[in-house]
C-alpha cells in the first residue's frame, strides 16, 4: 500500500450528535457536504480527460467498456451501463456493468463478494474480454479486493484500465492505467460512502459515458438523436427534435418521418436526402 495512503472515506464525520439535530439542520448539513463534491470533481478533470480519450479510441476500434465494482460502486456502474442503450441507441453489450456477487447484489448485499480476488476476472472472461476492450474499476475506498484483482488481471492480459475512487494514492489507483481520485473528505454519516463518494462517482461516470458517446457521434448538436423511442414522451421529444433540426412547422410530417424511420437521426438524414 502507498505510504501516503489515507482512508479519508472512513474518517470521522464533521458533525456530532446527529440524532439530536433538528430535521432542517440535518438537511442543510447534508446539502452543505454535497455542495463540496462538484468542486472536487472539477479538480480531476485532466485525469478524466486522459481516460476518456483512451477509452474513445478503444470503442472507435470495436472495443467495449466494462465497469466492475462492489456494493454502491458496483450498482452505480450498472446504472450507467444500463442507461447507454436507451439514451444513445448503442448495442446492449457496448457498455457492460458487472457487480461483485452478480445481479442479485443490485438489490441485496452478497456476503464476502467484494473480498473475492478471483471472481472479477471470471466475470469478465464470461464476456470473452480482449485487449480491444477497456475496464473501469469503481470503488469509493480504492481498496476493494474484487476490483483491484480484476484490474491487475486485465493489466496482465494487456487490457487498458481506469479507476474511480475517493481516497488519494489508493491501491486501486496503483492498479489502473488511468486512475481518477475524487477526494471528497469525511461522509456526513461516518463511512457511509453511498453519500458524497457515491455522488462523486455518479458525476464522473456521467462525464465519462456522455463525453465518449459524443465522441462516437451519438449526439447531434445537443440532442439525443439516437435515443430509443420506448414511450410516448420520448417519441414526442423526437418529433420536436426533427422539427427543430429541419426547421419544420408541420408536426404531422415530423411524426410521419419518425414513425417511418424509427430514429431521429435517420429521419433527419432521409429527409435531407429526399430534399436533394
C-alpha atoms as a PDB file:
ATOM      1  CA  UNK A   1       0.000   0.000   0.000  1.00  0.00           C
ATOM      2  CA  UNK A   2       1.262   3.512  -0.863  1.00  0.00           C
ATOM      3  CA  UNK A   3       2.979   5.143   2.122  1.00  0.00           C
ATOM      4  CA  UNK A   4       0.830   8.286   1.716  1.00  0.00           C
ATOM      5  CA  UNK A   5      -2.465   6.394   1.509  1.00  0.00           C
ATOM      6  CA  UNK A   6      -5.080   7.809   3.905  1.00  0.00           C
ATOM      7  CA  UNK A   7      -8.575   6.319   4.001  1.00  0.00           C
ATOM      8  CA  UNK A   8     -10.455   9.636   4.176  1.00  0.00           C
ATOM      9  CA  UNK A   9     -13.674   7.854   3.180  1.00  0.00           C
ATOM     10  CA  UNK A  10     -13.614   6.284   6.664  1.00  0.00           C
ATOM     11  CA  UNK A  11     -12.691   9.474   8.545  1.00  0.00           C
ATOM     12  CA  UNK A  12     -14.992  10.640  11.320  1.00  0.00           C
ATOM     13  CA  UNK A  13     -17.874  12.907  10.289  1.00  0.00           C
ATOM     14  CA  UNK A  14     -17.531  16.650  10.898  1.00  0.00           C
ATOM     15  CA  UNK A  15     -20.943  16.556  12.603  1.00  0.00           C
ATOM     16  CA  UNK A  16     -21.726  15.315  16.111  1.00  0.00           C
ATOM     17  CA  UNK A  17     -24.923  14.189  17.887  1.00  0.00           C
ATOM     18  CA  UNK A  18     -26.759  13.941  14.575  1.00  0.00           C
ATOM     19  CA  UNK A  19     -29.634  12.020  16.165  1.00  0.00           C
ATOM     20  CA  UNK A  20     -30.387  15.050  18.351  1.00  0.00           C
ATOM     21  CA  UNK A  21     -30.254  17.538  15.476  1.00  0.00           C
ATOM     22  CA  UNK A  22     -33.451  19.174  14.085  1.00  0.00           C
ATOM     23  CA  UNK A  23     -34.617  17.958  10.673  1.00  0.00           C
ATOM     24  CA  UNK A  24     -33.908  21.238   8.866  1.00  0.00           C
ATOM     25  CA  UNK A  25     -30.353  21.331  10.197  1.00  0.00           C
ATOM     26  CA  UNK A  26     -29.679  17.723   9.182  1.00  0.00           C
ATOM     27  CA  UNK A  27     -30.872  18.502   5.666  1.00  0.00           C
ATOM     28  CA  UNK A  28     -28.845  21.715   5.440  1.00  0.00           C
ATOM     29  CA  UNK A  29     -25.706  19.929   6.637  1.00  0.00           C
ATOM     30  CA  UNK A  30     -26.109  17.092   4.139  1.00  0.00           C
ATOM     31  CA  UNK A  31     -26.574  19.680   1.395  1.00  0.00           C
ATOM     32  CA  UNK A  32     -23.519  21.599   2.643  1.00  0.00           C
ATOM     33  CA  UNK A  33     -21.412  18.452   2.299  1.00  0.00           C
ATOM     34  CA  UNK A  34     -22.900  17.572  -1.104  1.00  0.00           C
ATOM     35  CA  UNK A  35     -22.020  21.064  -2.367  1.00  0.00           C
ATOM     36  CA  UNK A  36     -18.322  20.193  -1.952  1.00  0.00           C
ATOM     37  CA  UNK A  37     -18.472  17.276  -4.374  1.00  0.00           C
ATOM     38  CA  UNK A  38     -18.620  19.105  -7.723  1.00  0.00           C
ATOM     39  CA  UNK A  39     -15.620  21.259  -6.756  1.00  0.00           C
ATOM     40  CA  UNK A  40     -13.579  18.122  -6.064  1.00  0.00           C
ATOM     41  CA  UNK A  41     -14.658  16.580  -9.377  1.00  0.00           C
ATOM     42  CA  UNK A  42     -13.580  19.777 -11.174  1.00  0.00           C
ATOM     43  CA  UNK A  43     -10.050  19.317  -9.815  1.00  0.00           C
ATOM     44  CA  UNK A  44      -9.652  15.941 -11.538  1.00  0.00           C
ATOM     45  CA  UNK A  45     -10.999  16.852 -14.992  1.00  0.00           C
ATOM     46  CA  UNK A  46      -7.487  16.425 -16.510  1.00  0.00           C
ATOM     47  CA  UNK A  47      -7.457  12.813 -15.271  1.00  0.00           C
ATOM     48  CA  UNK A  48     -10.959  12.209 -16.629  1.00  0.00           C
ATOM     49  CA  UNK A  49      -9.885  13.686 -19.981  1.00  0.00           C
ATOM     50  CA  UNK A  50      -6.967  11.249 -20.292  1.00  0.00           C
ATOM     51  CA  UNK A  51      -9.244   8.301 -19.549  1.00  0.00           C
ATOM     52  CA  UNK A  52     -11.992   9.430 -21.944  1.00  0.00           C
ATOM     53  CA  UNK A  53      -9.604   9.922 -24.865  1.00  0.00           C
ATOM     54  CA  UNK A  54      -8.034   6.484 -24.362  1.00  0.00           C
ATOM     55  CA  UNK A  55     -11.476   4.883 -23.956  1.00  0.00           C
ATOM     56  CA  UNK A  56     -12.928   6.571 -27.048  1.00  0.00           C
ATOM     57  CA  UNK A  57     -10.057   5.240 -29.143  1.00  0.00           C
ATOM     58  CA  UNK A  58     -10.821   1.702 -27.955  1.00  0.00           C
ATOM     59  CA  UNK A  59     -14.547   1.978 -28.670  1.00  0.00           C
ATOM     60  CA  UNK A  60     -13.956   3.531 -32.098  1.00  0.00           C
ATOM     61  CA  UNK A  61     -11.834   0.482 -32.917  1.00  0.00           C
ATOM     62  CA  UNK A  62     -14.535  -2.013 -31.985  1.00  0.00           C
ATOM     63  CA  UNK A  63     -13.894  -2.388 -28.264  1.00  0.00           C
ATOM     64  CA  UNK A  64     -16.310  -2.357 -25.339  1.00  0.00           C
ATOM     65  CA  UNK A  65     -16.410  -0.621 -21.954  1.00  0.00           C
ATOM     66  CA  UNK A  66     -16.754  -2.648 -18.755  1.00  0.00           C
ATOM     67  CA  UNK A  67     -17.421  -1.276 -15.276  1.00  0.00           C
ATOM     68  CA  UNK A  68     -16.575  -3.516 -12.323  1.00  0.00           C
ATOM     69  CA  UNK A  69     -17.430  -2.709  -8.719  1.00  0.00           C
ATOM     70  CA  UNK A  70     -18.968  -3.926  -5.471  1.00  0.00           C
ATOM     71  CA  UNK A  71     -21.849  -2.571  -3.379  1.00  0.00           C
ATOM     72  CA  UNK A  72     -22.859   1.020  -4.119  1.00  0.00           C
ATOM     73  CA  UNK A  73     -19.966   1.477  -6.557  1.00  0.00           C
ATOM     74  CA  UNK A  74     -20.966  -1.624  -8.490  1.00  0.00           C
ATOM     75  CA  UNK A  75     -24.586  -0.501  -8.604  1.00  0.00           C
ATOM     76  CA  UNK A  76     -23.598   2.916  -9.956  1.00  0.00           C
ATOM     77  CA  UNK A  77     -21.616   1.249 -12.747  1.00  0.00           C
ATOM     78  CA  UNK A  78     -24.572  -1.000 -13.560  1.00  0.00           C
ATOM     79  CA  UNK A  79     -26.906   2.010 -13.730  1.00  0.00           C
ATOM     80  CA  UNK A  80     -24.596   3.973 -16.037  1.00  0.00           C
ATOM     81  CA  UNK A  81     -24.151   0.979 -18.345  1.00  0.00           C
ATOM     82  CA  UNK A  82     -27.884   0.230 -18.475  1.00  0.00           C
ATOM     83  CA  UNK A  83     -28.714   3.812 -19.470  1.00  0.00           C
ATOM     84  CA  UNK A  84     -26.426   3.946 -22.518  1.00  0.00           C
ATOM     85  CA  UNK A  85     -28.572   1.876 -24.950  1.00  0.00           C
ATOM     86  CA  UNK A  86     -31.849   3.792 -24.415  1.00  0.00           C
ATOM     87  CA  UNK A  87     -30.132   7.187 -24.326  1.00  0.00           C
ATOM     88  CA  UNK A  88     -27.719   6.756 -27.227  1.00  0.00           C
ATOM     89  CA  UNK A  89     -29.097   3.818 -29.214  1.00  0.00           C
ATOM     90  CA  UNK A  90     -25.921   1.773 -28.805  1.00  0.00           C
ATOM     91  CA  UNK A  91     -25.930  -2.063 -28.597  1.00  0.00           C
ATOM     92  CA  UNK A  92     -26.644  -3.547 -25.163  1.00  0.00           C
ATOM     93  CA  UNK A  93     -23.141  -5.027 -24.987  1.00  0.00           C
ATOM     94  CA  UNK A  94     -21.153  -1.863 -25.777  1.00  0.00           C
ATOM     95  CA  UNK A  95     -21.143  -0.725 -22.137  1.00  0.00           C
ATOM     96  CA  UNK A  96     -21.366  -3.534 -19.581  1.00  0.00           C
ATOM     97  CA  UNK A  97     -21.755  -3.235 -15.816  1.00  0.00           C
ATOM     98  CA  UNK A  98     -20.501  -6.072 -13.605  1.00  0.00           C
ATOM     99  CA  UNK A  99     -21.158  -6.149  -9.858  1.00  0.00           C
ATOM    100  CA  UNK A 100     -19.492  -8.401  -7.290  1.00  0.00           C
ATOM    101  CA  UNK A 101     -21.983 -11.087  -6.307  1.00  0.00           C
ATOM    102  CA  UNK A 102     -23.880 -10.946  -9.612  1.00  0.00           C
ATOM    103  CA  UNK A 103     -27.202  -9.301 -10.417  1.00  0.00           C
ATOM    104  CA  UNK A 104     -28.666 -10.335  -7.049  1.00  0.00           C
ATOM    105  CA  UNK A 105     -26.220  -7.845  -5.484  1.00  0.00           C
ATOM    106  CA  UNK A 106     -28.078  -4.954  -7.168  1.00  0.00           C
ATOM    107  CA  UNK A 107     -30.797  -5.336  -4.535  1.00  0.00           C
ATOM    108  CA  UNK A 108     -29.265  -7.339  -1.677  1.00  0.00           C
ATOM    109  CA  UNK A 109     -25.815  -7.365  -0.090  1.00  0.00           C
ATOM    110  CA  UNK A 110     -23.966 -10.571  -1.039  1.00  0.00           C
ATOM    111  CA  UNK A 111     -21.722 -11.719   1.786  1.00  0.00           C
ATOM    112  CA  UNK A 112     -17.962 -11.573   1.120  1.00  0.00           C
ATOM    113  CA  UNK A 113     -18.460 -10.887  -2.612  1.00  0.00           C
ATOM    114  CA  UNK A 114     -16.213  -7.813  -2.564  1.00  0.00           C
ATOM    115  CA  UNK A 115     -13.382  -9.757  -0.908  1.00  0.00           C
ATOM    116  CA  UNK A 116     -13.140 -12.396  -3.662  1.00  0.00           C
ATOM    117  CA  UNK A 117      -9.907 -11.792  -5.572  1.00  0.00           C
ATOM    118  CA  UNK A 118     -10.620 -14.302  -8.357  1.00  0.00           C
ATOM    119  CA  UNK A 119     -14.234 -13.641  -9.323  1.00  0.00           C
ATOM    120  CA  UNK A 120     -13.843 -10.338 -11.216  1.00  0.00           C
ATOM    121  CA  UNK A 121     -11.628 -11.924 -13.843  1.00  0.00           C
ATOM    122  CA  UNK A 122     -14.001 -14.896 -14.117  1.00  0.00           C
ATOM    123  CA  UNK A 123     -16.898 -12.435 -14.560  1.00  0.00           C
ATOM    124  CA  UNK A 124     -15.012 -10.524 -17.259  1.00  0.00           C
ATOM    125  CA  UNK A 125     -13.979 -13.696 -19.090  1.00  0.00           C
ATOM    126  CA  UNK A 126     -17.663 -14.612 -19.413  1.00  0.00           C
ATOM    127  CA  UNK A 127     -17.815 -11.751 -21.938  1.00  0.00           C
ATOM    128  CA  UNK A 128     -14.747 -13.014 -23.845  1.00  0.00           C
ATOM    129  CA  UNK A 129     -12.898  -9.820 -22.953  1.00  0.00           C
ATOM    130  CA  UNK A 130      -9.870  -8.917 -25.099  1.00  0.00           C
ATOM    131  CA  UNK A 131      -7.236  -6.197 -25.445  1.00  0.00           C
ATOM    132  CA  UNK A 132      -9.703  -4.306 -27.666  1.00  0.00           C
ATOM    133  CA  UNK A 133     -11.777  -3.579 -24.550  1.00  0.00           C
ATOM    134  CA  UNK A 134     -11.431  -1.114 -21.650  1.00  0.00           C
ATOM    135  CA  UNK A 135     -12.237  -1.818 -17.982  1.00  0.00           C
ATOM    136  CA  UNK A 136     -13.003   0.787 -15.311  1.00  0.00           C
ATOM    137  CA  UNK A 137     -12.880  -0.296 -11.672  1.00  0.00           C
ATOM    138  CA  UNK A 138     -15.174   1.679  -9.358  1.00  0.00           C
ATOM    139  CA  UNK A 139     -14.541   1.609  -5.587  1.00  0.00           C
ATOM    140  CA  UNK A 140     -15.015   4.517  -3.181  1.00  0.00           C
ATOM    141  CA  UNK A 141     -12.347   3.262  -0.780  1.00  0.00           C
ATOM    142  CA  UNK A 142      -9.956   2.251  -3.553  1.00  0.00           C
ATOM    143  CA  UNK A 143      -9.237  -0.911  -1.547  1.00  0.00           C
ATOM    144  CA  UNK A 144     -11.908  -3.381  -2.719  1.00  0.00           C
ATOM    145  CA  UNK A 145     -10.115  -6.709  -3.423  1.00  0.00           C
ATOM    146  CA  UNK A 146     -12.603  -7.830  -6.109  1.00  0.00           C
ATOM    147  CA  UNK A 147     -11.970  -4.663  -8.145  1.00  0.00           C
ATOM    148  CA  UNK A 148      -8.205  -4.378  -7.604  1.00  0.00           C
ATOM    149  CA  UNK A 149      -7.582  -8.018  -8.536  1.00  0.00           C
ATOM    150  CA  UNK A 150      -9.786  -7.599 -11.617  1.00  0.00           C
ATOM    151  CA  UNK A 151      -7.712  -4.661 -12.859  1.00  0.00           C
ATOM    152  CA  UNK A 152      -4.448  -6.470 -12.132  1.00  0.00           C
ATOM    153  CA  UNK A 153      -5.565  -9.440 -14.245  1.00  0.00           C
ATOM    154  CA  UNK A 154      -6.575  -7.025 -17.015  1.00  0.00           C
ATOM    155  CA  UNK A 155      -3.116  -5.484 -16.949  1.00  0.00           C
ATOM    156  CA  UNK A 156      -1.554  -8.962 -17.295  1.00  0.00           C
ATOM    157  CA  UNK A 157      -3.790  -9.562 -20.321  1.00  0.00           C
ATOM    158  CA  UNK A 158      -2.855  -6.243 -21.984  1.00  0.00           C
ATOM    159  CA  UNK A 159      -6.274  -4.659 -21.375  1.00  0.00           C
ATOM    160  CA  UNK A 160      -6.339  -0.912 -20.649  1.00  0.00           C
ATOM    161  CA  UNK A 161      -7.908   0.071 -17.337  1.00  0.00           C
ATOM    162  CA  UNK A 162      -9.200   3.085 -15.448  1.00  0.00           C
ATOM    163  CA  UNK A 163     -10.424   3.577 -11.903  1.00  0.00           C
ATOM    164  CA  UNK A 164     -12.709   5.871  -9.921  1.00  0.00           C
ATOM    165  CA  UNK A 165     -12.071   6.140  -6.189  1.00  0.00           C
ATOM    166  CA  UNK A 166     -12.342   8.705  -3.405  1.00  0.00           C
ATOM    167  CA  UNK A 167      -9.072   8.230  -1.496  1.00  0.00           C
ATOM    168  CA  UNK A 168      -5.714   9.604  -2.605  1.00  0.00           C
ATOM    169  CA  UNK A 169      -2.939   7.150  -3.554  1.00  0.00           C
ATOM    170  CA  UNK A 170      -5.215   4.137  -3.198  1.00  0.00           C
ATOM    171  CA  UNK A 171      -4.213   0.574  -4.148  1.00  0.00           C
ATOM    172  CA  UNK A 172      -6.885   0.674  -6.873  1.00  0.00           C
ATOM    173  CA  UNK A 173      -5.248   3.720  -8.461  1.00  0.00           C
ATOM    174  CA  UNK A 174      -1.917   1.884  -8.445  1.00  0.00           C
ATOM    175  CA  UNK A 175      -3.535  -0.956 -10.403  1.00  0.00           C
ATOM    176  CA  UNK A 176      -5.103   1.316 -13.066  1.00  0.00           C
ATOM    177  CA  UNK A 177      -3.604   2.845 -16.207  1.00  0.00           C
ATOM    178  CA  UNK A 178      -5.903   5.875 -15.901  1.00  0.00           C
ATOM    179  CA  UNK A 179      -6.767   6.491 -12.227  1.00  0.00           C
ATOM    180  CA  UNK A 180      -9.291   9.115 -11.139  1.00  0.00           C
ATOM    181  CA  UNK A 181      -9.329  10.110  -7.452  1.00  0.00           C
ATOM    182  CA  UNK A 182     -12.089  12.428  -6.221  1.00  0.00           C
ATOM    183  CA  UNK A 183     -11.227  13.091  -2.571  1.00  0.00           C
ATOM    184  CA  UNK A 184     -14.493  14.346  -1.085  1.00  0.00           C
ATOM    185  CA  UNK A 185     -13.479  14.014   2.590  1.00  0.00           C
ATOM    186  CA  UNK A 186     -15.432  12.541   5.513  1.00  0.00           C
ATOM    187  CA  UNK A 187     -19.023  11.499   4.912  1.00  0.00           C
ATOM    188  CA  UNK A 188     -21.923  13.166   6.767  1.00  0.00           C
ATOM    189  CA  UNK A 189     -22.560   9.783   8.400  1.00  0.00           C
ATOM    190  CA  UNK A 190     -19.108   8.345   9.108  1.00  0.00           C
ATOM    191  CA  UNK A 191     -18.151   5.765   6.467  1.00  0.00           C
ATOM    192  CA  UNK A 192     -21.458   5.999   4.543  1.00  0.00           C
ATOM    193  CA  UNK A 193     -19.847   6.167   1.116  1.00  0.00           C
ATOM    194  CA  UNK A 194     -23.187   5.953  -0.693  1.00  0.00           C
ATOM    195  CA  UNK A 195     -23.401   9.683   0.091  1.00  0.00           C
ATOM    196  CA  UNK A 196     -20.654  12.084  -1.093  1.00  0.00           C
ATOM    197  CA  UNK A 197     -18.442   9.349  -2.541  1.00  0.00           C
ATOM    198  CA  UNK A 198     -21.386   7.844  -4.401  1.00  0.00           C
ATOM    199  CA  UNK A 199     -22.361  11.267  -5.731  1.00  0.00           C
ATOM    200  CA  UNK A 200     -18.790  11.886  -6.909  1.00  0.00           C
ATOM    201  CA  UNK A 201     -18.660   8.527  -8.673  1.00  0.00           C
ATOM    202  CA  UNK A 202     -22.021   9.145 -10.339  1.00  0.00           C
ATOM    203  CA  UNK A 203     -20.857  12.545 -11.612  1.00  0.00           C
ATOM    204  CA  UNK A 204     -17.653  11.071 -13.038  1.00  0.00           C
ATOM    205  CA  UNK A 205     -19.493   8.140 -14.641  1.00  0.00           C
ATOM    206  CA  UNK A 206     -21.909  10.625 -16.249  1.00  0.00           C
ATOM    207  CA  UNK A 207     -18.978  12.636 -17.586  1.00  0.00           C
ATOM    208  CA  UNK A 208     -17.193   9.588 -18.980  1.00  0.00           C
ATOM    209  CA  UNK A 209     -20.136   7.932 -20.730  1.00  0.00           C
ATOM    210  CA  UNK A 210     -21.629  11.191 -22.028  1.00  0.00           C
ATOM    211  CA  UNK A 211     -18.357  12.510 -23.462  1.00  0.00           C
ATOM    212  CA  UNK A 212     -17.480   9.164 -25.025  1.00  0.00           C
ATOM    213  CA  UNK A 213     -20.902   8.959 -26.680  1.00  0.00           C
ATOM    214  CA  UNK A 214     -20.388  12.461 -28.099  1.00  0.00           C
ATOM    215  CA  UNK A 215     -17.050  11.273 -29.500  1.00  0.00           C
ATOM    216  CA  UNK A 216     -18.763   8.217 -31.001  1.00  0.00           C
ATOM    217  CA  UNK A 217     -21.146  10.506 -32.917  1.00  0.00           C
ATOM    218  CA  UNK A 218     -24.221   9.577 -30.900  1.00  0.00           C
ATOM    219  CA  UNK A 219     -25.206  13.245 -30.359  1.00  0.00           C
ATOM    220  CA  UNK A 220     -26.159  15.860 -32.965  1.00  0.00           C
ATOM    221  CA  UNK A 221     -25.840  19.463 -31.814  1.00  0.00           C
ATOM    222  CA  UNK A 222     -27.005  18.895 -28.250  1.00  0.00           C
ATOM    223  CA  UNK A 223     -29.707  16.305 -28.970  1.00  0.00           C
ATOM    224  CA  UNK A 224     -30.044  12.567 -28.234  1.00  0.00           C
ATOM    225  CA  UNK A 225     -30.810  11.791 -31.869  1.00  0.00           C
ATOM    226  CA  UNK A 226     -30.092   8.075 -31.398  1.00  0.00           C
ATOM    227  CA  UNK A 227     -32.290   7.529 -28.337  1.00  0.00           C
ATOM    228  CA  UNK A 228     -34.639   4.542 -28.244  1.00  0.00           C
ATOM    229  CA  UNK A 229     -38.272   5.612 -28.613  1.00  0.00           C
ATOM    230  CA  UNK A 230     -39.554   3.444 -25.771  1.00  0.00           C
ATOM    231  CA  UNK A 231     -42.516   5.582 -24.683  1.00  0.00           C
ATOM    232  CA  UNK A 232     -44.780   8.393 -25.871  1.00  0.00           C
ATOM    233  CA  UNK A 233     -42.801  11.093 -24.056  1.00  0.00           C
ATOM    234  CA  UNK A 234     -39.625  10.125 -25.918  1.00  0.00           C
ATOM    235  CA  UNK A 235     -41.464   9.830 -29.239  1.00  0.00           C
ATOM    236  CA  UNK A 236     -42.893  13.344 -28.767  1.00  0.00           C
ATOM    237  CA  UNK A 237     -39.413  14.610 -27.866  1.00  0.00           C
ATOM    238  CA  UNK A 238     -38.113  13.005 -31.076  1.00  0.00           C
ATOM    239  CA  UNK A 239     -40.766  14.756 -33.156  1.00  0.00           C
ATOM    240  CA  UNK A 240     -39.761  18.077 -31.620  1.00  0.00           C
ATOM    241  CA  UNK A 241     -36.059  17.400 -32.374  1.00  0.00           C
ATOM    242  CA  UNK A 242     -36.845  16.674 -36.034  1.00  0.00           C
ATOM    243  CA  UNK A 243     -38.913  19.837 -36.355  1.00  0.00           C
ATOM    244  CA  UNK A 244     -36.161  21.969 -34.803  1.00  0.00           C
ATOM    245  CA  UNK A 245     -33.345  20.433 -36.839  1.00  0.00           C
ATOM    246  CA  UNK A 246     -35.174  20.628 -40.178  1.00  0.00           C
ATOM    247  CA  UNK A 247     -36.974  23.917 -39.439  1.00  0.00           C
ATOM    248  CA  UNK A 248     -40.336  22.225 -39.951  1.00  0.00           C
ATOM    249  CA  UNK A 249     -43.618  23.664 -38.747  1.00  0.00           C
ATOM    250  CA  UNK A 250     -45.604  20.598 -39.795  1.00  0.00           C
ATOM    251  CA  UNK A 251     -45.943  18.311 -36.770  1.00  0.00           C
ATOM    252  CA  UNK A 252     -47.702  15.665 -38.864  1.00  0.00           C
ATOM    253  CA  UNK A 253     -44.757  15.449 -41.278  1.00  0.00           C
ATOM    254  CA  UNK A 254     -42.231  15.093 -38.460  1.00  0.00           C
ATOM    255  CA  UNK A 255     -44.429  12.425 -36.843  1.00  0.00           C
ATOM    256  CA  UNK A 256     -44.686  10.582 -40.156  1.00  0.00           C
ATOM    257  CA  UNK A 257     -40.892  10.660 -40.606  1.00  0.00           C
ATOM    258  CA  UNK A 258     -40.218   9.361 -37.110  1.00  0.00           C
ATOM    259  CA  UNK A 259     -42.845   6.633 -37.431  1.00  0.00           C
ATOM    260  CA  UNK A 260     -41.362   5.529 -40.752  1.00  0.00           C
ATOM    261  CA  UNK A 261     -37.660   5.579 -39.866  1.00  0.00           C
ATOM    262  CA  UNK A 262     -37.765   4.817 -36.128  1.00  0.00           C
ATOM    263  CA  UNK A 263     -34.970   7.183 -35.117  1.00  0.00           C
ATOM    264  CA  UNK A 264     -34.458  10.938 -35.055  1.00  0.00           C
ATOM    265  CA  UNK A 265     -31.090  10.701 -36.773  1.00  0.00           C
ATOM    266  CA  UNK A 266     -32.335   8.556 -39.637  1.00  0.00           C
ATOM    267  CA  UNK A 267     -35.441  10.717 -40.069  1.00  0.00           C
ATOM    268  CA  UNK A 268     -33.263  13.835 -40.448  1.00  0.00           C
ATOM    269  CA  UNK A 269     -30.841  12.114 -42.841  1.00  0.00           C
ATOM    270  CA  UNK A 270     -33.567  10.635 -45.067  1.00  0.00           C
ATOM    271  CA  UNK A 271     -35.496  13.906 -45.246  1.00  0.00           C
ATOM    272  CA  UNK A 272     -32.314  15.767 -46.206  1.00  0.00           C
ATOM    273  CA  UNK A 273     -31.559  13.161 -48.910  1.00  0.00           C
ATOM    274  CA  UNK A 274     -35.075  13.460 -50.361  1.00  0.00           C
ATOM    275  CA  UNK A 275     -34.737  17.239 -50.492  1.00  0.00           C
ATOM    276  CA  UNK A 276     -31.592  16.916 -52.596  1.00  0.00           C
END
